[in-house]
PDB file of all heavy atoms in Angstrom:
ATOM      1  N   THR A   1     -10.253  -1.743  18.509  1.00  0.00           N
ATOM      2  CA  THR A   1      -8.894  -1.266  18.251  1.00  0.00           C
ATOM      3  C   THR A   1      -8.160  -2.126  17.227  1.00  0.00           C
ATOM      4  O   THR A   1      -7.045  -1.759  16.816  1.00  0.00           O
ATOM      5  CB  THR A   1      -8.069  -1.244  19.556  1.00  0.00           C
ATOM      6  OG1 THR A   1      -8.040  -2.552  20.127  1.00  0.00           O
ATOM      7  CG2 THR A   1      -8.670  -0.272  20.552  1.00  0.00           C
ATOM      8  N   SER A   2      -8.733  -3.228  16.824  1.00  0.00           N
ATOM      9  CA  SER A   2      -8.087  -4.094  15.840  1.00  0.00           C
ATOM     10  C   SER A   2      -8.909  -4.162  14.554  1.00  0.00           C
ATOM     11  O   SER A   2      -8.545  -3.543  13.541  1.00  0.00           O
ATOM     12  CB  SER A   2      -7.874  -5.497  16.424  1.00  0.00           C
ATOM     13  OG  SER A   2      -9.082  -6.021  16.946  1.00  0.00           O
ATOM     14  N   PHE A   3     -10.027  -4.845  14.578  1.00  0.00           N
ATOM     15  CA  PHE A   3     -10.868  -5.017  13.387  1.00  0.00           C
ATOM     16  C   PHE A   3     -11.352  -3.679  12.834  1.00  0.00           C
ATOM     17  O   PHE A   3     -11.124  -3.358  11.664  1.00  0.00           O
ATOM     18  CB  PHE A   3     -12.059  -5.910  13.735  1.00  0.00           C
ATOM     19  CG  PHE A   3     -13.110  -5.973  12.667  1.00  0.00           C
ATOM     20  CD1 PHE A   3     -12.929  -6.771  11.551  1.00  0.00           C
ATOM     21  CD2 PHE A   3     -14.287  -5.242  12.785  1.00  0.00           C
ATOM     22  CE1 PHE A   3     -13.899  -6.829  10.551  1.00  0.00           C
ATOM     23  CE2 PHE A   3     -15.258  -5.299  11.800  1.00  0.00           C
ATOM     24  CZ  PHE A   3     -15.061  -6.092  10.675  1.00  0.00           C
ATOM     25  N   GLN A   4     -12.024  -2.900  13.672  1.00  0.00           N
ATOM     26  CA  GLN A   4     -12.598  -1.639  13.195  1.00  0.00           C
ATOM     27  C   GLN A   4     -11.525  -0.637  12.800  1.00  0.00           C
ATOM     28  O   GLN A   4     -11.596  -0.014  11.735  1.00  0.00           O
ATOM     29  CB  GLN A   4     -13.500  -1.044  14.277  1.00  0.00           C
ATOM     30  CG  GLN A   4     -14.130   0.284  13.892  1.00  0.00           C
ATOM     31  CD  GLN A   4     -15.061   0.795  14.968  1.00  0.00           C
ATOM     32  OE1 GLN A   4     -16.101   0.237  15.236  1.00  0.00           O
ATOM     33  NE2 GLN A   4     -14.688   1.903  15.597  1.00  0.00           N
ATOM     34  N   SER A   5     -10.510  -0.490  13.650  1.00  0.00           N
ATOM     35  CA  SER A   5      -9.460   0.490  13.380  1.00  0.00           C
ATOM     36  C   SER A   5      -8.707   0.185  12.087  1.00  0.00           C
ATOM     37  O   SER A   5      -8.540   1.068  11.231  1.00  0.00           O
ATOM     38  CB  SER A   5      -8.485   0.521  14.560  1.00  0.00           C
ATOM     39  OG  SER A   5      -7.405   1.383  14.299  1.00  0.00           O
ATOM     40  N   LEU A   6      -8.275  -1.061  11.915  1.00  0.00           N
ATOM     41  CA  LEU A   6      -7.510  -1.416  10.717  1.00  0.00           C
ATOM     42  C   LEU A   6      -8.398  -1.439   9.478  1.00  0.00           C
ATOM     43  O   LEU A   6      -7.968  -1.014   8.398  1.00  0.00           O
ATOM     44  CB  LEU A   6      -6.843  -2.780  10.901  1.00  0.00           C
ATOM     45  CG  LEU A   6      -5.773  -2.876  11.991  1.00  0.00           C
ATOM     46  CD1 LEU A   6      -5.036  -4.206  11.890  1.00  0.00           C
ATOM     47  CD2 LEU A   6      -4.786  -1.728  11.899  1.00  0.00           C
ATOM     48  N   GLY A   7      -9.609  -1.940   9.615  1.00  0.00           N
ATOM     49  CA  GLY A   7     -10.509  -2.012   8.463  1.00  0.00           C
ATOM     50  C   GLY A   7     -10.745  -0.654   7.833  1.00  0.00           C
ATOM     51  O   GLY A   7     -10.773  -0.516   6.605  1.00  0.00           O
ATOM     52  N   ILE A   8     -10.894   0.367   8.684  1.00  0.00           N
ATOM     53  CA  ILE A   8     -11.160   1.715   8.179  1.00  0.00           C
ATOM     54  C   ILE A   8      -9.872   2.410   7.741  1.00  0.00           C
ATOM     55  O   ILE A   8      -9.794   2.970   6.644  1.00  0.00           O
ATOM     56  CB  ILE A   8     -11.880   2.553   9.254  1.00  0.00           C
ATOM     57  CG1 ILE A   8     -13.265   1.953   9.542  1.00  0.00           C
ATOM     58  CG2 ILE A   8     -12.015   4.007   8.799  1.00  0.00           C
ATOM     59  CD1 ILE A   8     -14.000   2.627  10.679  1.00  0.00           C
ATOM     60  N   SER A   9      -8.852   2.368   8.595  1.00  0.00           N
ATOM     61  CA  SER A   9      -7.623   3.131   8.309  1.00  0.00           C
ATOM     62  C   SER A   9      -6.909   2.621   7.064  1.00  0.00           C
ATOM     63  O   SER A   9      -6.409   3.419   6.256  1.00  0.00           O
ATOM     64  CB  SER A   9      -6.680   3.088   9.511  1.00  0.00           C
ATOM     65  OG  SER A   9      -6.228   1.768   9.772  1.00  0.00           O
ATOM     66  N   ILE A  10      -6.851   1.302   6.878  1.00  0.00           N
ATOM     67  CA  ILE A  10      -6.156   0.765   5.699  1.00  0.00           C
ATOM     68  C   ILE A  10      -6.922   1.109   4.424  1.00  0.00           C
ATOM     69  O   ILE A  10      -6.324   1.426   3.385  1.00  0.00           O
ATOM     70  CB  ILE A  10      -5.956  -0.757   5.836  1.00  0.00           C
ATOM     71  CG1 ILE A  10      -4.990  -1.055   6.976  1.00  0.00           C
ATOM     72  CG2 ILE A  10      -5.423  -1.355   4.535  1.00  0.00           C
ATOM     73  CD1 ILE A  10      -4.788  -2.530   7.253  1.00  0.00           C
ATOM     74  N   ALA A  11      -8.252   1.055   4.493  1.00  0.00           N
ATOM     75  CA  ALA A  11      -9.055   1.421   3.317  1.00  0.00           C
ATOM     76  C   ALA A  11      -8.823   2.880   2.943  1.00  0.00           C
ATOM     77  O   ALA A  11      -8.731   3.217   1.751  1.00  0.00           O
ATOM     78  CB  ALA A  11     -10.537   1.173   3.609  1.00  0.00           C
ATOM     79  N   VAL A  12      -8.711   3.746   3.945  1.00  0.00           N
ATOM     80  CA  VAL A  12      -8.457   5.171   3.682  1.00  0.00           C
ATOM     81  C   VAL A  12      -7.055   5.355   3.101  1.00  0.00           C
ATOM     82  O   VAL A  12      -6.859   6.102   2.136  1.00  0.00           O
ATOM     83  CB  VAL A  12      -8.624   5.990   4.976  1.00  0.00           C
ATOM     84  CG1 VAL A  12      -8.150   7.425   4.763  1.00  0.00           C
ATOM     85  CG2 VAL A  12     -10.080   5.974   5.433  1.00  0.00           C
ATOM     86  N   GLU A  13      -6.062   4.675   3.662  1.00  0.00           N
ATOM     87  CA  GLU A  13      -4.691   4.777   3.163  1.00  0.00           C
ATOM     88  C   GLU A  13      -4.594   4.273   1.725  1.00  0.00           C
ATOM     89  O   GLU A  13      -3.854   4.838   0.918  1.00  0.00           O
ATOM     90  CB  GLU A  13      -3.748   3.984   4.071  1.00  0.00           C
ATOM     91  CG  GLU A  13      -3.548   4.623   5.442  1.00  0.00           C
ATOM     92  CD  GLU A  13      -2.791   3.728   6.392  1.00  0.00           C
ATOM     93  OE1 GLU A  13      -2.397   2.612   5.982  1.00  0.00           O
ATOM     94  OE2 GLU A  13      -2.585   4.127   7.558  1.00  0.00           O
ATOM     95  N   ARG A  14      -5.337   3.228   1.411  1.00  0.00           N
ATOM     96  CA  ARG A  14      -5.336   2.712   0.034  1.00  0.00           C
ATOM     97  C   ARG A  14      -5.974   3.729  -0.907  1.00  0.00           C
ATOM     98  O   ARG A  14      -5.476   3.978  -2.011  1.00  0.00           O
ATOM     99  CB  ARG A  14      -6.082   1.381  -0.031  1.00  0.00           C
ATOM    100  CG  ARG A  14      -6.104   0.771  -1.438  1.00  0.00           C
ATOM    101  CD  ARG A  14      -6.952  -0.483  -1.511  1.00  0.00           C
ATOM    102  NE  ARG A  14      -6.383  -1.555  -0.712  1.00  0.00           N
ATOM    103  CZ  ARG A  14      -6.921  -2.027   0.423  1.00  0.00           C
ATOM    104  NH1 ARG A  14      -8.043  -1.486   0.882  1.00  0.00           N
ATOM    105  NH2 ARG A  14      -6.332  -2.989   1.094  1.00  0.00           N
ATOM    106  N   ASP A  15      -7.085   4.313  -0.464  1.00  0.00           N
ATOM    107  CA  ASP A  15      -7.801   5.265  -1.307  1.00  0.00           C
ATOM    108  C   ASP A  15      -6.970   6.523  -1.542  1.00  0.00           C
ATOM    109  O   ASP A  15      -7.046   7.135  -2.621  1.00  0.00           O
ATOM    110  CB  ASP A  15      -9.132   5.631  -0.641  1.00  0.00           C
ATOM    111  CG  ASP A  15     -10.080   6.344  -1.582  1.00  0.00           C
ATOM    112  OD1 ASP A  15     -10.293   5.842  -2.704  1.00  0.00           O
ATOM    113  OD2 ASP A  15     -10.615   7.409  -1.203  1.00  0.00           O
ATOM    114  N   GLU A  16      -6.174   6.904  -0.548  1.00  0.00           N
ATOM    115  CA  GLU A  16      -5.317   8.089  -0.689  1.00  0.00           C
ATOM    116  C   GLU A  16      -3.974   7.765  -1.349  1.00  0.00           C
ATOM    117  O   GLU A  16      -3.090   8.614  -1.393  1.00  0.00           O
ATOM    118  CB  GLU A  16      -5.081   8.705   0.696  1.00  0.00           C
ATOM    119  CG  GLU A  16      -6.344   9.277   1.328  1.00  0.00           C
ATOM    120  CD  GLU A  16      -6.099   9.812   2.727  1.00  0.00           C
ATOM    121  OE1 GLU A  16      -4.997   9.545   3.287  1.00  0.00           O
ATOM    122  OE2 GLU A  16      -6.984  10.491   3.265  1.00  0.00           O
ATOM    123  N   ARG A  17      -3.821   6.529  -1.802  1.00  0.00           N
ATOM    124  CA  ARG A  17      -2.651   6.041  -2.530  1.00  0.00           C
ATOM    125  C   ARG A  17      -1.382   5.991  -1.685  1.00  0.00           C
ATOM    126  O   ARG A  17      -0.277   5.942  -2.224  1.00  0.00           O
ATOM    127  CB  ARG A  17      -2.417   6.898  -3.781  1.00  0.00           C
ATOM    128  CG  ARG A  17      -3.590   6.861  -4.751  1.00  0.00           C
ATOM    129  CD  ARG A  17      -3.322   7.611  -6.035  1.00  0.00           C
ATOM    130  NE  ARG A  17      -4.441   7.489  -6.956  1.00  0.00           N
ATOM    131  CZ  ARG A  17      -4.492   8.057  -8.150  1.00  0.00           C
ATOM    132  NH1 ARG A  17      -3.461   8.774  -8.578  1.00  0.00           N
ATOM    133  NH2 ARG A  17      -5.549   7.894  -8.928  1.00  0.00           N
ATOM    134  N   GLN A  18      -1.569   5.984  -0.366  1.00  0.00           N
ATOM    135  CA  GLN A  18      -0.402   5.836   0.503  1.00  0.00           C
ATOM    136  C   GLN A  18       0.203   4.440   0.358  1.00  0.00           C
ATOM    137  O   GLN A  18       1.432   4.295   0.370  1.00  0.00           O
ATOM    138  CB  GLN A  18      -0.807   6.078   1.960  1.00  0.00           C
ATOM    139  CG  GLN A  18      -1.236   7.499   2.268  1.00  0.00           C
ATOM    140  CD  GLN A  18      -1.563   7.690   3.729  1.00  0.00           C
ATOM    141  OE1 GLN A  18      -0.918   7.138   4.611  1.00  0.00           O
ATOM    142  NE2 GLN A  18      -2.593   8.490   4.009  1.00  0.00           N
ATOM    143  N   LEU A  19      -0.641   3.420   0.239  1.00  0.00           N
ATOM    144  CA  LEU A  19      -0.132   2.059   0.088  1.00  0.00           C
ATOM    145  C   LEU A  19       0.607   1.895  -1.233  1.00  0.00           C
ATOM    146  O   LEU A  19       1.623   1.196  -1.295  1.00  0.00           O
ATOM    147  CB  LEU A  19      -1.282   1.052   0.163  1.00  0.00           C
ATOM    148  CG  LEU A  19      -2.096   1.011   1.457  1.00  0.00           C
ATOM    149  CD1 LEU A  19      -3.054  -0.178   1.445  1.00  0.00           C
ATOM    150  CD2 LEU A  19      -1.177   0.919   2.663  1.00  0.00           C
ATOM    151  N   ARG A  20       0.108   2.536  -2.256  1.00  0.00           N
ATOM    152  CA  ARG A  20       0.769   2.455  -3.565  1.00  0.00           C
ATOM    153  C   ARG A  20       2.159   3.051  -3.508  1.00  0.00           C
ATOM    154  O   ARG A  20       3.108   2.520  -4.100  1.00  0.00           O
ATOM    155  CB  ARG A  20      -0.086   3.177  -4.606  1.00  0.00           C
ATOM    156  CG  ARG A  20       0.420   3.034  -6.033  1.00  0.00           C
ATOM    157  CD  ARG A  20      -0.521   3.723  -6.999  1.00  0.00           C
ATOM    158  NE  ARG A  20      -0.061   3.574  -8.377  1.00  0.00           N
ATOM    159  CZ  ARG A  20      -0.694   4.065  -9.437  1.00  0.00           C
ATOM    160  NH1 ARG A  20      -1.833   4.722  -9.265  1.00  0.00           N
ATOM    161  NH2 ARG A  20      -0.221   3.892 -10.639  1.00  0.00           N
ATOM    162  N   ARG A  21       2.298   4.146  -2.771  1.00  0.00           N
ATOM    163  CA  ARG A  21       3.619   4.769  -2.644  1.00  0.00           C
ATOM    164  C   ARG A  21       4.548   3.914  -1.781  1.00  0.00           C
ATOM    165  O   ARG A  21       5.745   3.806  -2.059  1.00  0.00           O
ATOM    166  CB  ARG A  21       3.470   6.172  -2.045  1.00  0.00           C
ATOM    167  CG  ARG A  21       2.814   7.167  -2.976  1.00  0.00           C
ATOM    168  CD  ARG A  21       2.996   8.592  -2.484  1.00  0.00           C
ATOM    169  NE  ARG A  21       2.246   8.834  -1.258  1.00  0.00           N
ATOM    170  CZ  ARG A  21       0.985   9.273  -1.228  1.00  0.00           C
ATOM    171  NH1 ARG A  21       0.337   9.508  -2.375  1.00  0.00           N
ATOM    172  NH2 ARG A  21       0.375   9.496  -0.086  1.00  0.00           N
ATOM    173  N   LEU A  22       3.993   3.283  -0.725  1.00  0.00           N
ATOM    174  CA  LEU A  22       4.813   2.449   0.146  1.00  0.00           C
ATOM    175  C   LEU A  22       5.378   1.243  -0.594  1.00  0.00           C
ATOM    176  O   LEU A  22       6.538   0.879  -0.420  1.00  0.00           O
ATOM    177  CB  LEU A  22       3.978   1.973   1.348  1.00  0.00           C
ATOM    178  CG  LEU A  22       3.776   2.973   2.484  1.00  0.00           C
ATOM    179  CD1 LEU A  22       2.813   2.398   3.515  1.00  0.00           C
ATOM    180  CD2 LEU A  22       5.107   3.319   3.136  1.00  0.00           C
ATOM    181  N   ILE A  23       4.549   0.611  -1.415  1.00  0.00           N
ATOM    182  CA  ILE A  23       4.987  -0.610  -2.088  1.00  0.00           C
ATOM    183  C   ILE A  23       6.035  -0.303  -3.158  1.00  0.00           C
ATOM    184  O   ILE A  23       6.767  -1.200  -3.603  1.00  0.00           O
ATOM    185  CB  ILE A  23       3.780  -1.349  -2.726  1.00  0.00           C
ATOM    186  CG1 ILE A  23       4.142  -2.785  -3.048  1.00  0.00           C
ATOM    187  CG2 ILE A  23       3.287  -0.626  -3.967  1.00  0.00           C
ATOM    188  CD1 ILE A  23       4.499  -3.627  -1.865  1.00  0.00           C
ATOM    189  N   SER A  24       6.136   0.965  -3.557  1.00  0.00           N
ATOM    190  CA  SER A  24       7.136   1.337  -4.566  1.00  0.00           C
ATOM    191  C   SER A  24       8.485   1.691  -3.938  1.00  0.00           C
ATOM    192  O   SER A  24       9.441   1.981  -4.644  1.00  0.00           O
ATOM    193  CB  SER A  24       6.633   2.539  -5.383  1.00  0.00           C
ATOM    194  OG  SER A  24       6.481   3.682  -4.565  1.00  0.00           O
ATOM    195  N   THR A  25       8.560   1.661  -2.588  1.00  0.00           N
ATOM    196  CA  THR A  25       9.818   1.950  -1.895  1.00  0.00           C
ATOM    197  C   THR A  25      10.560   0.637  -1.621  1.00  0.00           C
ATOM    198  O   THR A  25       9.992  -0.454  -1.739  1.00  0.00           O
ATOM    199  CB  THR A  25       9.544   2.667  -0.560  1.00  0.00           C
ATOM    200  OG1 THR A  25       8.875   1.762   0.329  1.00  0.00           O
ATOM    201  CG2 THR A  25       8.676   3.898  -0.779  1.00  0.00           C
ATOM    202  N   PRO A  26      11.843   0.718  -1.236  1.00  0.00           N
ATOM    203  CA  PRO A  26      12.602  -0.517  -0.922  1.00  0.00           C
ATOM    204  C   PRO A  26      12.128  -1.218   0.358  1.00  0.00           C
ATOM    205  O   PRO A  26      12.597  -2.317   0.665  1.00  0.00           O
ATOM    206  CB  PRO A  26      14.043  -0.002  -0.761  1.00  0.00           C
ATOM    207  CG  PRO A  26      14.075   1.327  -1.410  1.00  0.00           C
ATOM    208  CD  PRO A  26      12.715   1.897  -1.241  1.00  0.00           C
ATOM    209  N   MET A  27      11.232  -0.577   1.113  1.00  0.00           N
ATOM    210  CA  MET A  27      10.780  -1.168   2.374  1.00  0.00           C
ATOM    211  C   MET A  27      10.058  -2.487   2.131  1.00  0.00           C
ATOM    212  O   MET A  27       9.151  -2.561   1.298  1.00  0.00           O
ATOM    213  CB  MET A  27       9.833  -0.203   3.091  1.00  0.00           C
ATOM    214  CG  MET A  27       9.354  -0.701   4.455  1.00  0.00           C
ATOM    215  SD  MET A  27       8.094   0.394   5.190  1.00  0.00           S
ATOM    216  CE  MET A  27       6.632  -0.111   4.229  1.00  0.00           C
ATOM    217  N   PRO A  28      10.449  -3.570   2.834  1.00  0.00           N
ATOM    218  CA  PRO A  28       9.741  -4.849   2.687  1.00  0.00           C
ATOM    219  C   PRO A  28       8.266  -4.693   3.054  1.00  0.00           C
ATOM    220  O   PRO A  28       7.940  -4.011   4.043  1.00  0.00           O
ATOM    221  CB  PRO A  28      10.456  -5.768   3.680  1.00  0.00           C
ATOM    222  CG  PRO A  28      11.789  -5.132   3.900  1.00  0.00           C
ATOM    223  CD  PRO A  28      11.569  -3.665   3.786  1.00  0.00           C
ATOM    224  N   PRO A  29       7.347  -5.284   2.298  1.00  0.00           N
ATOM    225  CA  PRO A  29       5.914  -5.155   2.605  1.00  0.00           C
ATOM    226  C   PRO A  29       5.561  -5.594   4.025  1.00  0.00           C
ATOM    227  O   PRO A  29       4.644  -5.039   4.637  1.00  0.00           O
ATOM    228  CB  PRO A  29       5.261  -6.076   1.571  1.00  0.00           C
ATOM    229  CG  PRO A  29       6.238  -6.125   0.437  1.00  0.00           C
ATOM    230  CD  PRO A  29       7.579  -6.049   1.070  1.00  0.00           C
ATOM    231  N   ALA A  30       6.314  -6.581   4.561  1.00  0.00           N
ATOM    232  CA  ALA A  30       6.013  -7.079   5.899  1.00  0.00           C
ATOM    233  C   ALA A  30       6.150  -5.991   6.954  1.00  0.00           C
ATOM    234  O   ALA A  30       5.485  -6.035   8.002  1.00  0.00           O
ATOM    235  CB  ALA A  30       6.929  -8.248   6.246  1.00  0.00           C
ATOM    236  N   VAL A  31       7.003  -4.983   6.703  1.00  0.00           N
ATOM    237  CA  VAL A  31       7.228  -3.917   7.682  1.00  0.00           C
ATOM    238  C   VAL A  31       5.941  -3.126   7.914  1.00  0.00           C
ATOM    239  O   VAL A  31       5.638  -2.717   9.042  1.00  0.00           O
ATOM    240  CB  VAL A  31       8.357  -2.988   7.200  1.00  0.00           C
ATOM    241  CG1 VAL A  31       8.458  -1.757   8.089  1.00  0.00           C
ATOM    242  CG2 VAL A  31       9.680  -3.741   7.172  1.00  0.00           C
ATOM    243  N   TYR A  32       5.183  -2.903   6.848  1.00  0.00           N
ATOM    244  CA  TYR A  32       3.921  -2.168   6.976  1.00  0.00           C
ATOM    245  C   TYR A  32       2.981  -2.889   7.941  1.00  0.00           C
ATOM    246  O   TYR A  32       2.376  -2.261   8.823  1.00  0.00           O
ATOM    247  CB  TYR A  32       3.269  -2.028   5.597  1.00  0.00           C
ATOM    248  CG  TYR A  32       1.869  -1.452   5.639  1.00  0.00           C
ATOM    249  CD1 TYR A  32       1.677  -0.079   5.844  1.00  0.00           C
ATOM    250  CD2 TYR A  32       0.759  -2.260   5.471  1.00  0.00           C
ATOM    251  CE1 TYR A  32       0.397   0.453   5.877  1.00  0.00           C
ATOM    252  CE2 TYR A  32      -0.519  -1.735   5.503  1.00  0.00           C
ATOM    253  CZ  TYR A  32      -0.701  -0.380   5.702  1.00  0.00           C
ATOM    254  OH  TYR A  32      -1.970   0.142   5.743  1.00  0.00           O
ATOM    255  N   PHE A  33       2.877  -4.202   7.796  1.00  0.00           N
ATOM    256  CA  PHE A  33       1.967  -4.975   8.647  1.00  0.00           C
ATOM    257  C   PHE A  33       2.511  -5.104  10.072  1.00  0.00           C
ATOM    258  O   PHE A  33       1.732  -5.139  11.030  1.00  0.00           O
ATOM    259  CB  PHE A  33       1.722  -6.351   8.028  1.00  0.00           C
ATOM    260  CG  PHE A  33       1.041  -6.290   6.700  1.00  0.00           C
ATOM    261  CD1 PHE A  33       1.737  -6.529   5.519  1.00  0.00           C
ATOM    262  CD2 PHE A  33      -0.303  -5.967   6.615  1.00  0.00           C
ATOM    263  CE1 PHE A  33       1.114  -6.457   4.297  1.00  0.00           C
ATOM    264  CE2 PHE A  33      -0.945  -5.884   5.388  1.00  0.00           C
ATOM    265  CZ  PHE A  33      -0.232  -6.128   4.223  1.00  0.00           C
ATOM    266  N   LEU A  34       3.824  -5.165  10.222  1.00  0.00           N
ATOM    267  CA  LEU A  34       4.405  -5.187  11.565  1.00  0.00           C
ATOM    268  C   LEU A  34       4.086  -3.884  12.304  1.00  0.00           C
ATOM    269  O   LEU A  34       3.828  -3.889  13.515  1.00  0.00           O
ATOM    270  CB  LEU A  34       5.921  -5.382  11.494  1.00  0.00           C
ATOM    271  CG  LEU A  34       6.396  -6.797  11.116  1.00  0.00           C
ATOM    272  CD1 LEU A  34       7.907  -6.800  10.907  1.00  0.00           C
ATOM    273  CD2 LEU A  34       6.017  -7.802  12.196  1.00  0.00           C
ATOM    274  N   GLY A  35       4.096  -2.789  11.578  1.00  0.00           N
ATOM    275  CA  GLY A  35       3.719  -1.515  12.184  1.00  0.00           C
ATOM    276  C   GLY A  35       2.285  -1.527  12.675  1.00  0.00           C
ATOM    277  O   GLY A  35       1.975  -1.018  13.757  1.00  0.00           O
ATOM    278  N   LYS A  36       1.403  -2.125  11.885  1.00  0.00           N
ATOM    279  CA  LYS A  36      -0.001  -2.240  12.288  1.00  0.00           C
ATOM    280  C   LYS A  36      -0.146  -3.147  13.506  1.00  0.00           C
ATOM    281  O   LYS A  36      -1.008  -2.917  14.367  1.00  0.00           O
ATOM    282  CB  LYS A  36      -0.836  -2.778  11.125  1.00  0.00           C
ATOM    283  CG  LYS A  36      -0.910  -1.864   9.913  1.00  0.00           C
ATOM    284  CD  LYS A  36      -1.601  -0.558  10.240  1.00  0.00           C
ATOM    285  CE  LYS A  36      -1.790   0.309   8.997  1.00  0.00           C
ATOM    286  NZ  LYS A  36      -2.366   1.645   9.317  1.00  0.00           N
ATOM    287  N   VAL A  37       0.684  -4.188  13.578  1.00  0.00           N
ATOM    288  CA  VAL A  37       0.643  -5.088  14.739  1.00  0.00           C
ATOM    289  C   VAL A  37       0.961  -4.321  16.015  1.00  0.00           C
ATOM    290  O   VAL A  37       0.278  -4.468  17.041  1.00  0.00           O
ATOM    291  CB  VAL A  37       1.635  -6.259  14.550  1.00  0.00           C
ATOM    292  CG1 VAL A  37       1.827  -7.017  15.864  1.00  0.00           C
ATOM    293  CG2 VAL A  37       1.135  -7.208  13.475  1.00  0.00           C
ATOM    294  N   TRP A  38       2.000  -3.492  15.972  1.00  0.00           N
ATOM    295  CA  TRP A  38       2.361  -2.695  17.143  1.00  0.00           C
ATOM    296  C   TRP A  38       1.246  -1.723  17.512  1.00  0.00           C
ATOM    297  O   TRP A  38       0.949  -1.505  18.696  1.00  0.00           O
ATOM    298  CB  TRP A  38       3.658  -1.931  16.893  1.00  0.00           C
ATOM    299  CG  TRP A  38       4.877  -2.780  17.036  1.00  0.00           C
ATOM    300  CD1 TRP A  38       5.725  -3.194  16.047  1.00  0.00           C
ATOM    301  CD2 TRP A  38       5.391  -3.336  18.260  1.00  0.00           C
ATOM    302  NE1 TRP A  38       6.722  -3.983  16.561  1.00  0.00           N
ATOM    303  CE2 TRP A  38       6.550  -4.088  17.923  1.00  0.00           C
ATOM    304  CE3 TRP A  38       4.993  -3.283  19.586  1.00  0.00           C
ATOM    305  CZ2 TRP A  38       7.303  -4.760  18.876  1.00  0.00           C
ATOM    306  CZ3 TRP A  38       5.747  -3.953  20.546  1.00  0.00           C
ATOM    307  CH2 TRP A  38       6.890  -4.683  20.180  1.00  0.00           C
ATOM    308  N   LEU A  39       0.624  -1.138  16.512  1.00  0.00           N
ATOM    309  CA  LEU A  39      -0.489  -0.220  16.759  1.00  0.00           C
ATOM    310  C   LEU A  39      -1.626  -0.932  17.481  1.00  0.00           C
ATOM    311  O   LEU A  39      -2.172  -0.426  18.472  1.00  0.00           O
ATOM    312  CB  LEU A  39      -0.989   0.364  15.432  1.00  0.00           C
ATOM    313  CG  LEU A  39      -2.233   1.245  15.514  1.00  0.00           C
ATOM    314  CD1 LEU A  39      -1.949   2.500  16.313  1.00  0.00           C
ATOM    315  CD2 LEU A  39      -2.723   1.603  14.098  1.00  0.00           C
ATOM    316  N   VAL A  40      -1.990  -2.122  17.002  1.00  0.00           N
ATOM    317  CA  VAL A  40      -3.079  -2.886  17.606  1.00  0.00           C
ATOM    318  C   VAL A  40      -2.730  -3.310  19.026  1.00  0.00           C
ATOM    319  O   VAL A  40      -3.564  -3.212  19.944  1.00  0.00           O
ATOM    320  CB  VAL A  40      -3.411  -4.123  16.733  1.00  0.00           C
ATOM    321  CG1 VAL A  40      -4.332  -5.090  17.482  1.00  0.00           C
ATOM    322  CG2 VAL A  40      -4.062  -3.687  15.425  1.00  0.00           C
ATOM    323  N   LEU A  41      -1.507  -3.782  19.238  1.00  0.00           N
ATOM    324  CA  LEU A  41      -1.108  -4.239  20.570  1.00  0.00           C
ATOM    325  C   LEU A  41      -1.135  -3.103  21.590  1.00  0.00           C
ATOM    326  O   LEU A  41      -1.687  -3.250  22.692  1.00  0.00           O
ATOM    327  CB  LEU A  41       0.286  -4.860  20.519  1.00  0.00           C
ATOM    328  CG  LEU A  41       0.401  -6.258  19.908  1.00  0.00           C
ATOM    329  CD1 LEU A  41       1.859  -6.685  19.843  1.00  0.00           C
ATOM    330  CD2 LEU A  41      -0.409  -7.269  20.718  1.00  0.00           C
ATOM    331  N   VAL A  42      -0.530  -1.976  21.242  1.00  0.00           N
ATOM    332  CA  VAL A  42      -0.448  -0.864  22.195  1.00  0.00           C
ATOM    333  C   VAL A  42      -1.830  -0.288  22.484  1.00  0.00           C
ATOM    334  O   VAL A  42      -2.206  -0.095  23.649  1.00  0.00           O
ATOM    335  CB  VAL A  42       0.500   0.234  21.672  1.00  0.00           C
ATOM    336  CG1 VAL A  42       0.450   1.462  22.578  1.00  0.00           C
ATOM    337  CG2 VAL A  42       1.919  -0.304  21.584  1.00  0.00           C
ATOM    338  N   THR A  43      -2.607  -0.013  21.456  1.00  0.00           N
ATOM    339  CA  THR A  43      -3.940   0.562  21.675  1.00  0.00           C
ATOM    340  C   THR A  43      -4.868  -0.445  22.350  1.00  0.00           C
ATOM    341  O   THR A  43      -5.714  -0.064  23.168  1.00  0.00           O
ATOM    342  CB  THR A  43      -4.563   1.032  20.347  1.00  0.00           C
ATOM    343  OG1 THR A  43      -4.573  -0.046  19.393  1.00  0.00           O
ATOM    344  CG2 THR A  43      -3.775   2.201  19.768  1.00  0.00           C
ATOM    345  N   GLY A  44      -4.696  -1.735  22.041  1.00  0.00           N
ATOM    346  CA  GLY A  44      -5.516  -2.760  22.691  1.00  0.00           C
ATOM    347  C   GLY A  44      -5.233  -2.856  24.180  1.00  0.00           C
ATOM    348  O   GLY A  44      -6.154  -2.974  25.000  1.00  0.00           O
ATOM    349  N   VAL A  45      -3.952  -2.806  24.546  1.00  0.00           N
ATOM    350  CA  VAL A  45      -3.574  -2.847  25.968  1.00  0.00           C
ATOM    351  C   VAL A  45      -4.110  -1.624  26.696  1.00  0.00           C
ATOM    352  O   VAL A  45      -4.651  -1.721  27.812  1.00  0.00           O
ATOM    353  CB  VAL A  45      -2.042  -2.936  26.115  1.00  0.00           C
ATOM    354  CG1 VAL A  45      -1.623  -2.688  27.556  1.00  0.00           C
ATOM    355  CG2 VAL A  45      -1.548  -4.308  25.664  1.00  0.00           C
ATOM    356  N   LEU A  46      -3.994  -0.445  26.073  1.00  0.00           N
ATOM    357  CA  LEU A  46      -4.498   0.777  26.695  1.00  0.00           C
ATOM    358  C   LEU A  46      -6.016   0.732  26.853  1.00  0.00           C
ATOM    359  O   LEU A  46      -6.557   1.140  27.889  1.00  0.00           O
ATOM    360  CB  LEU A  46      -4.092   1.995  25.859  1.00  0.00           C
ATOM    361  CG  LEU A  46      -2.600   2.336  25.846  1.00  0.00           C
ATOM    362  CD1 LEU A  46      -2.329   3.493  24.886  1.00  0.00           C
ATOM    363  CD2 LEU A  46      -2.117   2.694  27.239  1.00  0.00           C
ATOM    364  N   GLU A  47      -6.702   0.225  25.818  1.00  0.00           N
ATOM    365  CA  GLU A  47      -8.164   0.102  25.891  1.00  0.00           C
ATOM    366  C   GLU A  47      -8.581  -0.826  27.022  1.00  0.00           C
ATOM    367  O   GLU A  47      -9.486  -0.506  27.810  1.00  0.00           O
ATOM    368  CB  GLU A  47      -8.711  -0.427  24.561  1.00  0.00           C
ATOM    369  CG  GLU A  47     -10.223  -0.528  24.481  1.00  0.00           C
ATOM    370  CD  GLU A  47     -10.873   0.817  24.260  1.00  0.00           C
ATOM    371  OE1 GLU A  47     -11.029   1.209  23.092  1.00  0.00           O
ATOM    372  OE2 GLU A  47     -11.213   1.480  25.270  1.00  0.00           O
TER     373      GLU A  47
END
């Protein structure tokens, strides 16, 4: 739920240019990674 999930999903988001669009918004880059932290914590606890 952490290594495998993020390794694949972030690579797909980069390839689909989602990351490129995010970095061009006013949103601080740290927010993107904080979102991933919450994803890992919640899915890890459920697992």
